[in-house]
Amino acid sequence: QVQLVESGGGLVQPGGSLRLSCTASGFTFSTAVMRWYRQAPGKERELVASISTFGNNINYLDSVKGRFTISRDNAKNTVYLQMNSLKPEDTAVYYCNYRRFSIDYWGTGTQVTVSS
């Protein structure tokens, strides 16, 4: 079965950095578009970044452009989200996402808290 396991979240001061990882199993990772979403308290889940199978097509939420970088290692079945210059408004639970035949698969999420 599809499994997505996120890691790398934590508490960081404004301006700091974190690197999230999502390790996937149960499907052919190298043929999958992968996405990172986030959900802040009281808000809807939003798409943060997406990456195509070979990393040549990448898209970002406007508010994270220039600060976040999505990447993938198909040999390790892992997608990453490097987050720099973090702001308090980046505080959220971050989820890895895989979609197949209109069905969304999610990890359990990793909490990112940006606070001084």
N, C-alpha and C. Protein backbone atom coordinates (compact mmCIF):
# COMPACT_ATOMS: atom_id res chain seq x y z
N GLN A 1 0.83 -1.18 0.00
CA GLN A 1 0.00 0.00 0.00
C GLN A 1 0.88 1.25 0.00
N VAL A 2 0.28 2.35 -0.43
CA VAL A 2 1.02 3.62 -0.48
C VAL A 2 1.32 4.09 0.94
N GLN A 3 2.57 4.44 1.16
CA GLN A 3 2.97 5.03 2.43
C GLN A 3 3.85 6.25 2.16
N LEU A 4 3.58 7.31 2.89
CA LEU A 4 4.37 8.53 2.82
C LEU A 4 4.73 8.91 4.24
N VAL A 5 6.02 9.06 4.48
CA VAL A 5 6.49 9.36 5.84
C VAL A 5 7.32 10.63 5.81
N GLU A 6 6.79 11.67 6.45
CA GLU A 6 7.47 12.95 6.51
C GLU A 6 8.35 13.03 7.75
N SER A 7 9.39 13.82 7.66
CA SER A 7 10.26 14.09 8.79
C SER A 7 10.95 15.43 8.59
N GLY A 8 11.57 15.92 9.66
CA GLY A 8 12.37 17.13 9.55
C GLY A 8 11.75 18.39 10.12
N GLY A 9 10.52 18.30 10.59
CA GLY A 9 9.90 19.48 11.16
C GLY A 9 10.49 19.82 12.52
N GLY A 10 10.05 20.96 13.07
CA GLY A 10 10.53 21.37 14.38
C GLY A 10 10.24 22.82 14.66
N LEU A 11 10.85 23.30 15.72
CA LEU A 11 10.72 24.70 16.12
C LEU A 11 11.95 25.46 15.66
N VAL A 12 11.73 26.56 14.98
CA VAL A 12 12.84 27.35 14.46
C VAL A 12 12.52 28.83 14.62
N GLN A 13 13.54 29.64 14.80
CA GLN A 13 13.34 31.08 14.92
C GLN A 13 13.10 31.70 13.55
N PRO A 14 12.43 32.83 13.51
CA PRO A 14 12.27 33.54 12.23
C PRO A 14 13.62 33.78 11.57
N GLY A 15 13.64 33.54 10.25
CA GLY A 15 14.89 33.65 9.50
C GLY A 15 15.67 32.36 9.42
N GLY A 16 15.26 31.37 10.17
CA GLY A 16 15.96 30.09 10.18
C GLY A 16 15.57 29.19 9.02
N SER A 17 16.15 27.99 9.05
CA SER A 17 15.93 27.03 7.96
C SER A 17 15.57 25.66 8.51
N LEU A 18 14.84 24.92 7.70
CA LEU A 18 14.54 23.51 7.96
C LEU A 18 14.51 22.78 6.64
N ARG A 19 14.81 21.49 6.70
CA ARG A 19 14.70 20.65 5.52
C ARG A 19 13.76 19.50 5.82
N LEU A 20 12.66 19.46 5.13
CA LEU A 20 11.71 18.38 5.30
C LEU A 20 12.01 17.27 4.30
N SER A 21 11.76 16.04 4.72
CA SER A 21 11.91 14.88 3.85
C SER A 21 10.62 14.07 3.86
N CYS A 22 10.35 13.44 2.75
CA CYS A 22 9.20 12.53 2.64
C CYS A 22 9.67 11.29 1.89
N THR A 23 9.65 10.17 2.59
CA THR A 23 10.05 8.90 1.97
C THR A 23 8.81 8.12 1.61
N ALA A 24 8.77 7.67 0.36
CA ALA A 24 7.57 7.03 -0.17
C ALA A 24 7.80 5.54 -0.43
N SER A 25 6.72 4.79 -0.38
CA SER A 25 6.75 3.38 -0.73
C SER A 25 5.38 2.95 -1.21
N GLY A 26 5.33 1.81 -1.89
CA GLY A 26 4.05 1.27 -2.33
C GLY A 26 3.62 1.69 -3.72
N PHE A 27 4.46 2.46 -4.40
CA PHE A 27 4.17 2.85 -5.77
C PHE A 27 5.50 3.18 -6.46
N THR A 28 5.42 3.38 -7.76
CA THR A 28 6.63 3.68 -8.52
C THR A 28 6.94 5.16 -8.40
N PHE A 29 7.79 5.49 -7.45
CA PHE A 29 8.06 6.88 -7.11
C PHE A 29 8.57 7.67 -8.30
N SER A 30 9.42 7.07 -9.10
CA SER A 30 10.07 7.81 -10.18
C SER A 30 9.10 8.28 -11.27
N THR A 31 7.90 7.74 -11.27
CA THR A 31 6.90 8.14 -12.27
C THR A 31 5.82 9.04 -11.68
N ALA A 32 6.01 9.47 -10.45
CA ALA A 32 4.97 10.22 -9.73
C ALA A 32 5.32 11.68 -9.56
N VAL A 33 4.35 12.54 -9.85
CA VAL A 33 4.46 13.94 -9.45
C VAL A 33 4.26 13.97 -7.93
N MET A 34 5.12 14.70 -7.26
CA MET A 34 5.04 14.77 -5.79
C MET A 34 4.76 16.21 -5.37
N ARG A 35 4.06 16.35 -4.26
CA ARG A 35 3.64 17.66 -3.78
C ARG A 35 3.85 17.80 -2.28
N TRP A 36 4.09 19.01 -1.86
CA TRP A 36 4.07 19.37 -0.44
C TRP A 36 2.90 20.33 -0.23
N TYR A 37 2.10 20.03 0.77
CA TYR A 37 1.02 20.90 1.21
C TYR A 37 1.30 21.33 2.65
N ARG A 38 0.57 22.33 3.10
CA ARG A 38 0.63 22.71 4.51
C ARG A 38 -0.76 23.16 4.98
N GLN A 39 -0.96 23.01 6.27
CA GLN A 39 -2.22 23.45 6.85
C GLN A 39 -1.95 24.11 8.20
N ALA A 40 -2.28 25.38 8.27
CA ALA A 40 -2.14 26.13 9.50
C ALA A 40 -3.44 26.03 10.29
N PRO A 41 -3.38 26.24 11.60
CA PRO A 41 -4.60 26.14 12.43
C PRO A 41 -5.69 27.07 11.92
N GLY A 42 -6.87 26.51 11.74
CA GLY A 42 -8.01 27.31 11.30
C GLY A 42 -8.03 27.66 9.84
N LYS A 43 -7.08 27.13 9.09
CA LYS A 43 -7.01 27.45 7.66
C LYS A 43 -7.12 26.18 6.82
N GLU A 44 -7.43 26.38 5.54
CA GLU A 44 -7.49 25.24 4.64
C GLU A 44 -6.08 24.78 4.25
N ARG A 45 -6.01 23.53 3.88
CA ARG A 45 -4.75 23.00 3.40
C ARG A 45 -4.42 23.65 2.06
N GLU A 46 -3.15 24.05 1.89
CA GLU A 46 -2.76 24.71 0.66
C GLU A 46 -1.53 24.05 0.05
N LEU A 47 -1.47 24.09 -1.27
CA LEU A 47 -0.36 23.51 -2.00
C LEU A 47 0.84 24.45 -1.91
N VAL A 48 1.94 23.93 -1.43
CA VAL A 48 3.16 24.71 -1.26
C VAL A 48 4.08 24.58 -2.47
N ALA A 49 4.29 23.35 -2.92
CA ALA A 49 5.21 23.12 -4.02
C ALA A 49 4.92 21.77 -4.66
N SER A 50 5.24 21.68 -5.94
CA SER A 50 5.11 20.41 -6.65
C SER A 50 6.33 20.21 -7.54
N ILE A 51 6.62 18.94 -7.82
CA ILE A 51 7.79 18.61 -8.64
C ILE A 51 7.43 17.44 -9.55
N SER A 52 7.80 17.57 -10.82
CA SER A 52 7.52 16.52 -11.78
C SER A 52 8.48 15.36 -11.60
N THR A 53 8.30 14.33 -12.41
CA THR A 53 9.01 13.07 -12.20
C THR A 53 10.52 13.21 -12.22
N PHE A 54 11.03 14.03 -13.12
CA PHE A 54 12.48 14.21 -13.20
C PHE A 54 12.93 15.58 -12.71
N GLY A 55 12.02 16.29 -12.08
CA GLY A 55 12.39 17.56 -11.46
C GLY A 55 12.50 18.72 -12.41
N ASN A 56 12.04 18.56 -13.64
CA ASN A 56 12.19 19.64 -14.61
C ASN A 56 11.00 20.58 -14.66
N ASN A 57 9.96 20.25 -13.91
CA ASN A 57 8.78 21.12 -13.85
C ASN A 57 8.43 21.31 -12.38
N ILE A 58 8.67 22.49 -11.87
CA ILE A 58 8.50 22.79 -10.45
C ILE A 58 7.61 24.02 -10.31
N ASN A 59 6.72 23.97 -9.34
CA ASN A 59 5.85 25.10 -9.07
C ASN A 59 5.80 25.39 -7.58
N TYR A 60 5.64 26.67 -7.24
CA TYR A 60 5.61 27.09 -5.84
C TYR A 60 4.43 28.01 -5.58
N LEU A 61 3.96 27.95 -4.34
CA LEU A 61 3.04 28.95 -3.83
C LEU A 61 3.76 30.30 -3.87
N ASP A 62 3.06 31.34 -4.27
CA ASP A 62 3.71 32.64 -4.43
C ASP A 62 4.43 33.08 -3.16
N SER A 63 3.85 32.84 -2.02
CA SER A 63 4.42 33.35 -0.77
C SER A 63 5.71 32.65 -0.36
N VAL A 64 6.06 31.54 -1.00
CA VAL A 64 7.29 30.83 -0.64
C VAL A 64 8.35 30.90 -1.73
N LYS A 65 8.00 31.50 -2.86
CA LYS A 65 8.97 31.59 -3.96
C LYS A 65 10.21 32.34 -3.51
N GLY A 66 11.38 31.79 -3.86
CA GLY A 66 12.64 32.40 -3.48
C GLY A 66 13.12 31.99 -2.10
N ARG A 67 12.26 31.32 -1.32
CA ARG A 67 12.65 30.89 0.02
C ARG A 67 12.66 29.37 0.16
N PHE A 68 11.73 28.71 -0.53
CA PHE A 68 11.62 27.25 -0.44
C PHE A 68 12.12 26.62 -1.74
N THR A 69 12.69 25.42 -1.60
CA THR A 69 13.14 24.66 -2.76
C THR A 69 12.68 23.21 -2.62
N ILE A 70 11.94 22.73 -3.60
CA ILE A 70 11.54 21.34 -3.62
C ILE A 70 12.51 20.56 -4.51
N SER A 71 12.84 19.35 -4.09
CA SER A 71 13.73 18.51 -4.89
C SER A 71 13.37 17.05 -4.63
N ARG A 72 13.95 16.16 -5.40
CA ARG A 72 13.66 14.74 -5.21
C ARG A 72 14.88 13.91 -5.54
N ASP A 73 14.93 12.72 -4.93
CA ASP A 73 15.96 11.73 -5.22
C ASP A 73 15.21 10.44 -5.54
N ASN A 74 15.09 10.14 -6.82
CA ASN A 74 14.32 8.96 -7.23
C ASN A 74 14.98 7.66 -6.79
N ALA A 75 16.28 7.67 -6.60
CA ALA A 75 16.97 6.47 -6.13
C ALA A 75 16.64 6.16 -4.68
N LYS A 76 16.25 7.19 -3.94
CA LYS A 76 15.92 7.02 -2.52
C LYS A 76 14.42 7.12 -2.25
N ASN A 77 13.63 7.27 -3.31
CA ASN A 77 12.17 7.41 -3.15
C ASN A 77 11.83 8.53 -2.17
N THR A 78 12.53 9.62 -2.29
CA THR A 78 12.38 10.70 -1.31
C THR A 78 12.23 12.05 -2.01
N VAL A 79 11.32 12.85 -1.47
CA VAL A 79 11.15 14.23 -1.92
C VAL A 79 11.47 15.14 -0.74
N TYR A 80 12.10 16.27 -1.04
CA TYR A 80 12.55 17.18 -0.01
C TYR A 80 11.90 18.55 -0.17
N LEU A 81 11.88 19.28 0.94
CA LEU A 81 11.48 20.68 0.90
C LEU A 81 12.46 21.46 1.78
N GLN A 82 13.35 22.18 1.12
CA GLN A 82 14.29 23.03 1.84
C GLN A 82 13.61 24.37 2.07
N MET A 83 13.52 24.77 3.31
CA MET A 83 12.83 26.00 3.67
C MET A 83 13.81 26.96 4.34
N ASN A 84 14.04 28.07 3.70
CA ASN A 84 14.95 29.10 4.22
C ASN A 84 14.17 30.37 4.53
N SER A 85 14.81 31.24 5.29
CA SER A 85 14.18 32.53 5.64
C SER A 85 12.76 32.34 6.15
N LEU A 86 12.61 31.42 7.06
CA LEU A 86 11.28 31.08 7.54
C LEU A 86 10.64 32.25 8.29
N LYS A 87 9.33 32.33 8.13
CA LYS A 87 8.54 33.39 8.76
C LYS A 87 7.49 32.77 9.68
N PRO A 88 7.01 33.51 10.65
CA PRO A 88 5.95 32.96 11.52
C PRO A 88 4.74 32.46 10.74
N GLU A 89 4.44 33.09 9.63
CA GLU A 89 3.28 32.65 8.84
C GLU A 89 3.51 31.33 8.10
N ASP A 90 4.74 30.81 8.16
CA ASP A 90 5.00 29.48 7.61
C ASP A 90 4.64 28.37 8.60
N THR A 91 4.29 28.75 9.80
CA THR A 91 3.92 27.77 10.81
C THR A 91 2.71 26.97 10.36
N ALA A 92 2.86 25.65 10.34
CA ALA A 92 1.80 24.77 9.85
C ALA A 92 2.25 23.33 9.99
N VAL A 93 1.32 22.43 9.77
CA VAL A 93 1.68 21.03 9.56
C VAL A 93 1.91 20.85 8.07
N TYR A 94 3.05 20.27 7.72
CA TYR A 94 3.41 20.08 6.32
C TYR A 94 3.19 18.61 5.96
N TYR A 95 2.52 18.42 4.82
CA TYR A 95 2.15 17.09 4.36
C TYR A 95 2.75 16.81 2.98
N CYS A 96 3.19 15.60 2.82
CA CYS A 96 3.60 15.08 1.53
C CYS A 96 2.37 14.49 0.84
N ASN A 97 2.29 14.64 -0.47
CA ASN A 97 1.11 14.19 -1.20
C ASN A 97 1.48 13.47 -2.49
N TYR A 98 0.75 12.39 -2.75
CA TYR A 98 0.83 11.66 -4.01
C TYR A 98 -0.60 11.45 -4.49
N ARG A 99 -0.83 11.69 -5.76
CA ARG A 99 -2.16 11.54 -6.32
C ARG A 99 -2.14 10.51 -7.44
N ARG A 100 -3.04 9.56 -7.37
CA ARG A 100 -3.14 8.54 -8.40
C ARG A 100 -4.62 8.32 -8.72
N PHE A 101 -4.95 8.49 -9.98
CA PHE A 101 -6.34 8.32 -10.44
C PHE A 101 -7.30 9.13 -9.58
N SER A 102 -6.94 10.37 -9.33
CA SER A 102 -7.77 11.31 -8.56
C SER A 102 -7.92 10.95 -7.09
N ILE A 103 -7.16 10.00 -6.63
CA ILE A 103 -7.16 9.67 -5.20
C ILE A 103 -5.90 10.26 -4.57
N ASP A 104 -6.09 11.02 -3.51
CA ASP A 104 -4.97 11.64 -2.81
C ASP A 104 -4.49 10.76 -1.66
N TYR A 105 -3.19 10.58 -1.61
CA TYR A 105 -2.54 9.88 -0.50
C TYR A 105 -1.72 10.89 0.28
N TRP A 106 -1.79 10.77 1.61
CA TRP A 106 -1.13 11.74 2.48
C TRP A 106 -0.29 11.03 3.53
N GLY A 107 0.77 11.71 3.92
CA GLY A 107 1.48 11.27 5.10
C GLY A 107 0.77 11.81 6.33
N THR A 108 1.35 11.53 7.49
CA THR A 108 0.75 12.01 8.74
C THR A 108 1.12 13.46 9.05
N GLY A 109 2.09 13.97 8.31
CA GLY A 109 2.47 15.36 8.47
C GLY A 109 3.60 15.56 9.46
N THR A 110 4.26 16.71 9.32
CA THR A 110 5.31 17.09 10.25
C THR A 110 5.09 18.56 10.62
N GLN A 111 5.16 18.85 11.90
CA GLN A 111 4.86 20.19 12.39
C GLN A 111 6.07 21.10 12.22
N VAL A 112 5.82 22.26 11.64
CA VAL A 112 6.83 23.31 11.54
C VAL A 112 6.31 24.52 12.31
N THR A 113 7.08 24.96 13.28
CA THR A 113 6.70 26.12 14.07
C THR A 113 7.82 27.15 13.98
N VAL A 114 7.45 28.35 13.54
CA VAL A 114 8.42 29.43 13.41
C VAL A 114 8.07 30.49 14.45
N SER A 115 8.92 30.59 15.44
CA SER A 115 8.62 31.50 16.55
C SER A 115 9.89 31.88 17.28
N SER A 116 9.91 33.09 17.80
CA SER A 116 11.05 33.52 18.61
C SER A 116 10.76 33.27 20.09
